[in-house]
Amino acid sequence: MLRIGLTGSIGMGKSTMAKLFAELGLPVNDADAVVHDLYSGEAALLVEAAFPGTVKDGVVDRQELGRQLSATPGGFKRLEEIVHPLVRKRESEFIAREREKGSVMVLLDIPLLFETGAEKRVDVIVVVTCDPQIQRSRVLARPNMTEEKFNAILARQTPDAEKRKRADYVIDTSFSIEAARERVAETVSDIKRRLANGEFEHA
C-alpha cells in the first residue's frame, strides 16, 4: 500500500488540499483532526499534568495552552513528547485498517512531516505552497492571530523553499480552487501511473 505524505507550512491550504484528495477517493488520515480528538480524550490528562490549568471540562483549551507554551522554554518539546507518540499510534491504526480493506494508497496529512522525520514513513511527498503574501494574509485573518504568533510558528517550521526542494510533487494554492483541484487530479493520476509501473520500492 502506497503512503502519500501531504505537508505544507501554516496558511498554505493543506487541509483544503487533503479534502480534494479525499474527493478523488483516497483515504485520508488528518493529523490535525487526530490531535483535536486526542485533546478531548486520552491526551487531556497528560497535557494537564505537564501544563496545569490548560484543561477545562475535560478538553484542552488551545488558547491557554498556546499562552503557556509561549511563556515556557522547552514547552513545545514537552508537548510534542506527549502528543506525537499518540498521533503515531493513531496513524499506524489507520494504515492497518486501510491495508485490511485492500486500499491501494492512502494520504497521510502530516503538518510537521519534515520537522518530525515522518518523511521516512511515506513513499511520496506532496508539498502545498503559495505566495508568501497570500500565506501571510490568510494566517493573519485567523481569530486571535498576531504577527508575533505567526512569526513564532514560521520559526518552528521547515522553510517553504526547503520543503519544495524535498517534495515529489508541489501544489500551489495561490490561484483558484479549480486550478488546485486540477493539480491534485494530475498528481493522483501520475502517482497511479508510477505505481502501475512499479516505480515505488516500499509500496
Protein backbone atom coordinates (compact mmCIF):
# COMPACT_ATOMS: atom_id res chain seq x y z
CA MET A 1 0.00 0.00 0.00
CA LEU A 2 1.41 3.35 -1.08
CA ARG A 3 1.67 6.04 1.61
CA ILE A 4 1.48 9.62 0.36
CA GLY A 5 2.66 12.27 2.82
CA LEU A 6 0.95 15.66 2.48
CA THR A 7 2.51 18.67 4.19
CA GLY A 8 2.82 22.44 3.98
CA SER A 9 3.50 25.43 6.18
CA ILE A 10 0.75 27.31 8.04
CA GLY A 11 -1.74 29.08 5.76
CA MET A 12 -0.72 27.24 2.59
CA GLY A 13 -4.08 25.46 2.20
CA LYS A 14 -3.00 21.94 3.16
CA SER A 15 -6.29 20.97 4.85
CA THR A 16 -8.28 22.09 1.80
CA MET A 17 -6.00 20.06 -0.48
CA ALA A 18 -6.47 16.99 1.76
CA LYS A 19 -10.22 17.31 1.15
CA LEU A 20 -9.62 17.41 -2.61
CA PHE A 21 -7.57 14.20 -2.39
CA ALA A 22 -10.43 12.64 -0.37
CA GLU A 23 -12.90 13.70 -3.09
CA LEU A 24 -10.87 11.54 -5.50
CA GLY A 25 -11.42 8.54 -3.23
CA LEU A 26 -8.17 8.48 -1.26
CA PRO A 27 -8.49 7.50 2.41
CA VAL A 28 -7.07 10.43 4.44
CA ASN A 29 -5.56 10.43 7.93
CA ASP A 30 -5.65 14.04 9.16
CA ALA A 31 -3.07 14.60 11.92
CA ASP A 32 -4.71 17.90 12.97
CA ALA A 33 -8.08 16.17 13.40
CA VAL A 34 -6.39 13.39 15.38
CA VAL A 35 -4.78 15.94 17.73
CA HIS A 36 -8.15 17.67 18.16
CA ASP A 37 -9.68 14.33 19.11
CA LEU A 38 -6.79 13.49 21.48
CA TYR A 39 -7.18 16.86 23.22
CA SER A 40 -10.68 15.88 24.28
CA GLY A 41 -9.63 12.31 25.08
CA GLU A 42 -6.52 10.40 26.07
CA ALA A 43 -4.07 13.32 25.81
CA ALA A 44 -6.05 15.71 28.03
CA LEU A 45 -4.85 14.42 31.42
CA LEU A 46 -1.26 14.16 30.21
CA VAL A 47 -1.31 17.74 28.91
CA GLU A 48 -2.89 18.99 32.16
CA ALA A 49 -0.15 17.27 34.17
CA ALA A 50 2.56 19.00 32.12
CA PHE A 51 0.76 22.34 31.76
CA PRO A 52 -1.56 22.85 34.76
CA GLY A 53 -4.71 24.85 34.07
CA THR A 54 -4.86 24.07 30.36
CA VAL A 55 -7.74 21.57 30.55
CA LYS A 56 -11.30 22.78 31.05
CA ASP A 57 -14.26 20.36 31.27
CA GLY A 58 -12.01 17.52 30.13
CA VAL A 59 -10.85 19.30 26.97
CA VAL A 60 -7.52 21.05 26.31
CA ASP A 61 -8.07 24.80 25.98
CA ARG A 62 -5.85 25.60 23.00
CA GLN A 63 -5.79 29.32 23.81
CA GLU A 64 -4.48 28.72 27.32
CA LEU A 65 -2.09 26.03 26.12
CA GLY A 66 -0.73 28.42 23.48
CA ARG A 67 -0.26 31.12 26.14
CA GLN A 68 1.66 28.73 28.41
CA LEU A 69 3.76 27.38 25.54
CA SER A 70 4.91 30.84 24.51
CA ALA A 71 5.91 31.55 28.12
CA THR A 72 7.63 28.21 28.80
CA PRO A 73 11.13 27.49 27.45
CA GLY A 74 11.11 23.96 26.09
CA GLY A 75 7.32 23.83 26.29
CA PHE A 76 6.83 22.82 22.67
CA LYS A 77 9.29 19.95 23.03
CA ARG A 78 7.48 18.70 26.14
CA LEU A 79 4.11 18.90 24.37
CA GLU A 80 5.49 17.04 21.33
CA GLU A 81 6.82 14.28 23.60
CA ILE A 82 3.24 13.80 24.89
CA VAL A 83 1.30 14.17 21.65
CA HIS A 84 3.50 12.75 18.87
CA PRO A 85 3.58 9.12 20.10
CA LEU A 86 -0.25 9.17 20.40
CA VAL A 87 -0.59 10.63 16.89
CA ARG A 88 1.79 7.98 15.54
CA LYS A 89 -0.28 5.24 17.20
CA ARG A 90 -3.47 6.53 15.55
CA GLU A 91 -1.67 6.76 12.20
CA SER A 92 -0.49 3.15 12.50
CA GLU A 93 -4.03 2.02 13.34
CA PHE A 94 -5.37 3.92 10.30
CA ILE A 95 -2.78 2.29 7.99
CA ALA A 96 -3.57 -1.16 9.39
CA ARG A 97 -7.32 -0.65 8.81
CA GLU A 98 -6.82 0.54 5.24
CA ARG A 99 -4.42 -2.31 4.46
CA GLU A 100 -7.04 -4.75 5.72
CA LYS A 101 -9.63 -3.12 3.44
CA GLY A 102 -7.25 -3.57 0.49
CA SER A 103 -6.67 0.13 -0.15
CA VAL A 104 -4.03 0.70 -2.83
CA MET A 105 -2.90 4.09 -1.47
CA VAL A 106 -3.58 6.37 1.49
CA LEU A 107 -2.90 10.04 2.21
CA LEU A 108 -1.23 10.95 5.49
CA ASP A 109 -1.83 14.65 6.20
CA ILE A 110 1.19 15.49 8.41
CA PRO A 111 1.75 19.21 9.16
CA LEU A 112 5.25 18.65 10.66
CA LEU A 113 6.33 15.94 8.22
CA PHE A 114 9.95 17.10 7.80
CA GLU A 115 10.26 18.50 11.32
CA THR A 116 9.41 15.13 12.92
CA GLY A 117 11.25 12.87 10.46
CA ALA A 118 7.96 11.49 9.12
CA GLU A 119 9.31 11.57 5.55
CA LYS A 120 10.88 8.18 6.37
CA ARG A 121 7.37 6.70 6.84
CA VAL A 122 5.98 7.72 3.44
CA ASP A 123 6.66 6.71 -0.16
CA VAL A 124 5.71 10.00 -1.85
CA ILE A 125 5.82 13.58 -0.55
CA VAL A 126 3.34 16.25 -1.70
CA VAL A 127 4.03 19.81 -0.53
CA VAL A 128 1.35 22.51 -0.55
CA THR A 129 2.68 26.03 -1.13
CA CYS A 130 1.52 29.52 -2.06
CA ASP A 131 2.80 33.06 -2.48
CA PRO A 132 4.22 34.34 0.87
CA GLN A 133 1.96 37.41 0.84
CA ILE A 134 -1.13 35.24 0.34
CA GLN A 135 0.04 32.95 3.15
CA ARG A 136 0.53 35.94 5.44
CA SER A 137 -2.88 37.47 4.74
CA ARG A 138 -4.62 34.09 5.22
CA VAL A 139 -2.93 33.47 8.57
CA LEU A 140 -3.36 36.98 9.96
CA ALA A 141 -7.10 36.77 9.14
CA ARG A 142 -7.46 33.92 11.65
CA PRO A 143 -9.03 34.67 15.04
CA ASN A 144 -6.53 35.64 17.79
CA MET A 145 -3.60 35.55 15.35
CA THR A 146 -0.88 38.18 15.63
CA GLU A 147 2.31 38.97 13.71
CA GLU A 148 4.29 37.69 16.71
CA LYS A 149 2.45 34.35 16.81
CA PHE A 150 2.73 33.96 13.05
CA ASN A 151 6.50 34.59 13.10
CA ALA A 152 6.95 32.19 16.04
CA ILE A 153 5.10 29.44 14.13
CA LEU A 154 7.19 30.03 10.99
CA ALA A 155 10.39 29.85 13.05
CA ARG A 156 9.47 26.32 14.17
CA GLN A 157 8.62 25.10 10.67
CA THR A 158 10.97 23.97 7.91
CA PRO A 159 11.15 26.85 5.39
CA ASP A 160 8.78 26.56 2.43
CA ALA A 161 11.64 26.64 -0.11
CA GLU A 162 13.30 23.68 1.65
CA LYS A 163 10.03 21.73 1.68
CA ARG A 164 9.52 22.31 -2.04
CA LYS A 165 13.06 21.09 -2.77
CA ARG A 166 12.37 17.84 -0.93
CA ALA A 167 8.94 17.24 -2.48
CA ASP A 168 7.98 14.74 -5.16
CA TYR A 169 5.01 16.92 -6.09
CA VAL A 170 4.17 20.57 -5.34
CA ILE A 171 0.66 22.03 -5.30
CA ASP A 172 0.45 25.83 -5.45
CA THR A 173 -2.74 27.24 -3.92
CA SER A 174 -2.02 30.88 -4.92
CA PHE A 175 -4.60 30.67 -7.67
CA SER A 176 -8.19 29.42 -7.88
CA ILE A 177 -9.59 26.34 -6.14
CA GLU A 178 -10.30 24.95 -9.63
CA ALA A 179 -6.60 25.24 -10.54
CA ALA A 180 -5.65 23.48 -7.29
CA ARG A 181 -8.25 20.74 -7.90
CA GLU A 182 -6.78 20.17 -11.36
CA ARG A 183 -3.26 19.92 -9.93
CA VAL A 184 -4.42 17.42 -7.27
CA ALA A 185 -6.05 15.29 -10.01
CA GLU A 186 -2.84 15.43 -12.10
CA THR A 187 -0.80 14.43 -9.05
CA VAL A 188 -3.01 11.43 -8.23
CA SER A 189 -3.03 10.36 -11.88
CA ASP A 190 0.78 10.49 -12.09
CA ILE A 191 1.22 8.61 -8.79
CA LYS A 192 -1.14 5.88 -10.06
CA ARG A 193 0.83 5.65 -13.32
CA ARG A 194 4.12 5.33 -11.45
CA LEU A 195 2.63 2.78 -9.06
CA ALA A 196 1.42 0.67 -12.00
CA ASN A 197 4.93 0.84 -13.47
CA GLY A 198 6.44 -0.43 -10.20
CA GLU A 199 8.42 2.75 -9.55
CA PHE A 200 7.87 2.77 -5.79
CA GLU A 201 10.09 0.47 -3.74
CA HIS A 202 8.10 0.25 -0.49
CA ALA A 203 4.52 0.32 -1.77
